[in-house]
Amino acid sequence: MPCHCFRGFRIIFKFSYELFNFNKDVVSSTLDDPVRMEEAMWRSIRWLDRCIEGHKRKKEQNLFPIVQGGLDAKLREISAKGKVF
C-alpha cells in the first residue's frame, strides 16, 4: 500500500545518482535503549521494502541498505537478513 514516503523517493529516483543509501531511522550505534534500537531497525527494513518496490531504474541505479542494530549482535543479524534482496 503506497504511503506519502513514495513521493519522496520517486523524486530521488529521477535523479541520475547511481547509488542510494536508504536508511529510514538513524540512531547512534551506542544508544543504550534496546527498544528504540529495535524500532529503528524494523522501520529501516520496512523502508527498504518500499524502496525496492518503487525502484524502476535497476540497470542505472543501485540500492545500498545499511545494517542496523547498534552494538547488539542479534539485532544486527536480524537487520542483515531483512536486507538481503
N, C-alpha and C. Protein backbone atom coordinates (compact mmCIF):
# COMPACT_ATOMS: atom_id res chain seq x y z
N MET A 1 0.84 -1.18 0.00
CA MET A 1 0.00 0.00 0.00
C MET A 1 0.89 1.25 0.00
N PRO A 2 0.73 2.12 -0.99
CA PRO A 2 1.55 3.32 -1.06
C PRO A 2 1.32 4.26 0.13
N CYS A 3 2.35 4.94 0.51
CA CYS A 3 2.23 5.95 1.56
C CYS A 3 2.88 7.22 1.05
N HIS A 4 2.81 8.28 1.84
CA HIS A 4 3.37 9.57 1.41
C HIS A 4 4.87 9.49 1.13
N CYS A 5 5.58 8.52 1.73
CA CYS A 5 7.02 8.42 1.54
C CYS A 5 7.37 8.03 0.11
N PHE A 6 6.46 7.38 -0.62
CA PHE A 6 6.73 7.03 -2.01
C PHE A 6 7.01 8.27 -2.84
N ARG A 7 6.32 9.35 -2.57
CA ARG A 7 6.52 10.59 -3.32
C ARG A 7 7.97 11.05 -3.21
N GLY A 8 8.53 10.94 -2.01
CA GLY A 8 9.91 11.38 -1.78
C GLY A 8 10.93 10.58 -2.56
N PHE A 9 10.84 9.26 -2.52
CA PHE A 9 11.86 8.54 -3.25
C PHE A 9 11.58 8.44 -4.73
N ARG A 10 10.35 8.66 -5.16
CA ARG A 10 10.10 8.78 -6.61
C ARG A 10 10.90 9.96 -7.17
N ILE A 11 10.91 11.03 -6.41
CA ILE A 11 11.68 12.21 -6.83
C ILE A 11 13.17 11.89 -6.85
N ILE A 12 13.64 11.22 -5.80
CA ILE A 12 15.06 10.87 -5.71
C ILE A 12 15.46 9.96 -6.86
N PHE A 13 14.63 8.97 -7.18
CA PHE A 13 14.96 8.02 -8.24
C PHE A 13 15.06 8.69 -9.61
N LYS A 14 14.45 9.84 -9.79
CA LYS A 14 14.51 10.54 -11.07
C LYS A 14 15.89 11.15 -11.31
N PHE A 15 16.64 11.41 -10.25
CA PHE A 15 17.97 11.97 -10.40
C PHE A 15 18.91 10.91 -10.97
N SER A 16 20.05 11.32 -11.42
CA SER A 16 20.98 10.42 -12.09
C SER A 16 21.95 9.74 -11.14
N TYR A 17 21.67 9.73 -9.87
CA TYR A 17 22.57 9.07 -8.93
C TYR A 17 22.63 7.58 -9.23
N GLU A 18 23.82 7.00 -9.07
CA GLU A 18 24.00 5.58 -9.32
C GLU A 18 23.80 4.75 -8.06
N LEU A 19 23.94 5.36 -6.91
CA LEU A 19 23.91 4.63 -5.66
C LEU A 19 23.10 5.39 -4.62
N PHE A 20 22.23 4.68 -3.93
CA PHE A 20 21.41 5.29 -2.89
C PHE A 20 21.65 4.55 -1.58
N ASN A 21 21.69 5.29 -0.51
CA ASN A 21 21.76 4.72 0.83
C ASN A 21 20.41 4.98 1.48
N PHE A 22 19.61 3.94 1.65
CA PHE A 22 18.30 4.10 2.24
C PHE A 22 18.32 3.60 3.67
N ASN A 23 18.22 4.51 4.58
CA ASN A 23 18.22 4.20 6.00
C ASN A 23 17.19 5.12 6.64
N LYS A 24 16.02 4.63 6.90
CA LYS A 24 14.89 5.47 7.30
C LYS A 24 15.02 6.04 8.71
N ASP A 25 15.60 5.32 9.62
CA ASP A 25 15.60 5.74 11.01
C ASP A 25 17.02 5.63 11.57
N VAL A 26 17.72 6.73 11.65
CA VAL A 26 19.11 6.73 12.09
C VAL A 26 19.19 7.02 13.58
N VAL A 27 19.84 6.11 14.30
CA VAL A 27 20.11 6.32 15.72
C VAL A 27 21.58 6.01 15.97
N SER A 28 22.12 6.56 17.03
CA SER A 28 23.53 6.33 17.36
C SER A 28 23.77 4.85 17.64
N SER A 29 24.88 4.33 17.16
CA SER A 29 25.19 2.91 17.37
C SER A 29 25.45 2.60 18.84
N THR A 30 25.71 3.63 19.64
CA THR A 30 25.98 3.40 21.06
C THR A 30 24.76 3.71 21.94
N LEU A 31 23.62 3.93 21.32
CA LEU A 31 22.39 4.22 22.07
C LEU A 31 22.10 3.08 23.06
N ASP A 32 21.84 3.41 24.29
CA ASP A 32 21.56 2.40 25.32
C ASP A 32 20.05 2.29 25.54
N ASP A 33 19.35 1.99 24.48
CA ASP A 33 17.90 1.83 24.53
C ASP A 33 17.52 0.73 23.55
N PRO A 34 17.52 -0.53 23.99
CA PRO A 34 17.27 -1.64 23.08
C PRO A 34 15.93 -1.58 22.37
N VAL A 35 14.91 -1.06 23.03
CA VAL A 35 13.59 -0.96 22.41
C VAL A 35 13.64 0.02 21.24
N ARG A 36 14.26 1.17 21.46
CA ARG A 36 14.38 2.19 20.41
C ARG A 36 15.24 1.67 19.26
N MET A 37 16.32 0.95 19.59
CA MET A 37 17.21 0.40 18.57
C MET A 37 16.46 -0.60 17.69
N GLU A 38 15.67 -1.45 18.31
CA GLU A 38 14.91 -2.44 17.55
C GLU A 38 13.85 -1.77 16.68
N GLU A 39 13.21 -0.75 17.22
CA GLU A 39 12.21 0.01 16.44
C GLU A 39 12.84 0.61 15.19
N ALA A 40 14.02 1.20 15.34
CA ALA A 40 14.71 1.80 14.19
C ALA A 40 15.09 0.75 13.16
N MET A 41 15.52 -0.41 13.64
CA MET A 41 15.91 -1.49 12.75
C MET A 41 14.72 -1.94 11.89
N TRP A 42 13.58 -2.21 12.53
CA TRP A 42 12.39 -2.67 11.79
C TRP A 42 11.88 -1.59 10.85
N ARG A 43 11.94 -0.33 11.27
CA ARG A 43 11.48 0.77 10.40
C ARG A 43 12.33 0.83 9.13
N SER A 44 13.63 0.66 9.27
CA SER A 44 14.51 0.70 8.11
C SER A 44 14.28 -0.48 7.17
N ILE A 45 13.98 -1.65 7.73
CA ILE A 45 13.67 -2.80 6.89
C ILE A 45 12.39 -2.54 6.09
N ARG A 46 11.38 -1.99 6.76
CA ARG A 46 10.12 -1.67 6.04
C ARG A 46 10.36 -0.62 4.96
N TRP A 47 11.20 0.37 5.26
CA TRP A 47 11.52 1.42 4.30
C TRP A 47 12.23 0.83 3.09
N LEU A 48 13.17 -0.08 3.32
CA LEU A 48 13.86 -0.72 2.20
C LEU A 48 12.87 -1.49 1.33
N ASP A 49 11.93 -2.19 1.94
CA ASP A 49 10.91 -2.91 1.17
C ASP A 49 10.16 -1.96 0.25
N ARG A 50 9.83 -0.78 0.76
CA ARG A 50 9.12 0.22 -0.07
C ARG A 50 10.02 0.72 -1.19
N CYS A 51 11.30 0.91 -0.88
CA CYS A 51 12.24 1.39 -1.90
C CYS A 51 12.41 0.36 -3.01
N ILE A 52 12.51 -0.91 -2.64
CA ILE A 52 12.65 -1.97 -3.63
C ILE A 52 11.42 -1.98 -4.53
N GLU A 53 10.26 -1.84 -3.94
CA GLU A 53 9.01 -1.82 -4.72
C GLU A 53 8.98 -0.66 -5.70
N GLY A 54 9.50 0.48 -5.30
CA GLY A 54 9.44 1.67 -6.15
C GLY A 54 10.64 1.85 -7.07
N HIS A 55 11.64 1.00 -6.96
CA HIS A 55 12.87 1.13 -7.73
C HIS A 55 12.65 0.65 -9.16
N LYS A 56 12.71 1.56 -10.11
CA LYS A 56 12.42 1.23 -11.50
C LYS A 56 13.64 1.29 -12.41
N ARG A 57 14.72 1.92 -12.00
CA ARG A 57 15.90 2.11 -12.86
C ARG A 57 17.02 1.16 -12.43
N LYS A 58 16.72 -0.11 -12.36
CA LYS A 58 17.65 -1.11 -11.81
C LYS A 58 18.95 -1.23 -12.61
N LYS A 59 18.92 -0.95 -13.89
CA LYS A 59 20.13 -1.04 -14.70
C LYS A 59 21.00 0.21 -14.57
N GLU A 60 20.46 1.25 -13.98
CA GLU A 60 21.18 2.52 -13.87
C GLU A 60 21.50 2.89 -12.42
N GLN A 61 20.76 2.35 -11.47
CA GLN A 61 20.91 2.74 -10.07
C GLN A 61 20.91 1.51 -9.17
N ASN A 62 21.62 1.63 -8.06
CA ASN A 62 21.66 0.55 -7.07
C ASN A 62 21.09 1.04 -5.75
N LEU A 63 20.54 0.11 -4.99
CA LEU A 63 20.13 0.39 -3.62
C LEU A 63 21.21 -0.15 -2.69
N PHE A 64 21.49 0.57 -1.64
CA PHE A 64 22.56 0.20 -0.72
C PHE A 64 22.02 0.21 0.70
N PRO A 65 21.51 -0.91 1.20
CA PRO A 65 20.95 -0.93 2.55
C PRO A 65 22.04 -0.93 3.62
N ILE A 66 21.74 -0.36 4.75
CA ILE A 66 22.65 -0.29 5.88
C ILE A 66 22.16 -1.22 6.98
N VAL A 67 23.04 -2.06 7.48
CA VAL A 67 22.68 -2.95 8.59
C VAL A 67 22.58 -2.11 9.85
N GLN A 68 21.48 -2.29 10.58
CA GLN A 68 21.28 -1.56 11.82
C GLN A 68 21.23 -2.54 13.00
N GLY A 69 21.18 -1.98 14.17
CA GLY A 69 21.11 -2.79 15.38
C GLY A 69 22.12 -2.35 16.42
N GLY A 70 22.87 -1.31 16.08
CA GLY A 70 23.85 -0.79 17.03
C GLY A 70 24.89 -1.84 17.39
N LEU A 71 25.15 -1.98 18.68
CA LEU A 71 26.15 -2.93 19.16
C LEU A 71 25.54 -4.27 19.53
N ASP A 72 24.26 -4.44 19.27
CA ASP A 72 23.55 -5.67 19.59
C ASP A 72 23.68 -6.66 18.42
N ALA A 73 24.47 -7.72 18.62
CA ALA A 73 24.75 -8.67 17.54
C ALA A 73 23.49 -9.32 17.00
N LYS A 74 22.54 -9.64 17.87
CA LYS A 74 21.30 -10.29 17.43
C LYS A 74 20.48 -9.35 16.52
N LEU A 75 20.36 -8.07 16.91
CA LEU A 75 19.62 -7.11 16.07
C LEU A 75 20.33 -6.91 14.74
N ARG A 76 21.65 -6.87 14.75
CA ARG A 76 22.42 -6.70 13.51
C ARG A 76 22.20 -7.90 12.58
N GLU A 77 22.13 -9.08 13.16
CA GLU A 77 21.88 -10.28 12.36
C GLU A 77 20.48 -10.23 11.73
N ILE A 78 19.49 -9.87 12.53
CA ILE A 78 18.11 -9.73 12.01
C ILE A 78 18.07 -8.69 10.91
N SER A 79 18.73 -7.56 11.15
CA SER A 79 18.75 -6.47 10.17
C SER A 79 19.41 -6.93 8.87
N ALA A 80 20.53 -7.62 8.96
CA ALA A 80 21.23 -8.09 7.76
C ALA A 80 20.35 -9.07 6.97
N LYS A 81 19.71 -9.98 7.66
CA LYS A 81 18.85 -10.95 6.97
C LYS A 81 17.63 -10.26 6.34
N GLY A 82 17.15 -9.20 6.97
CA GLY A 82 16.00 -8.46 6.44
C GLY A 82 16.34 -7.58 5.27
N LYS A 83 17.63 -7.41 5.00
CA LYS A 83 18.04 -6.50 3.91
C LYS A 83 18.72 -7.23 2.76
N VAL A 84 18.56 -8.54 2.72
CA VAL A 84 19.09 -9.31 1.59
C VAL A 84 18.00 -9.37 0.54
N PHE A 85 18.32 -8.88 -0.65
CA PHE A 85 17.32 -8.90 -1.73
C PHE A 85 17.97 -9.26 -3.04
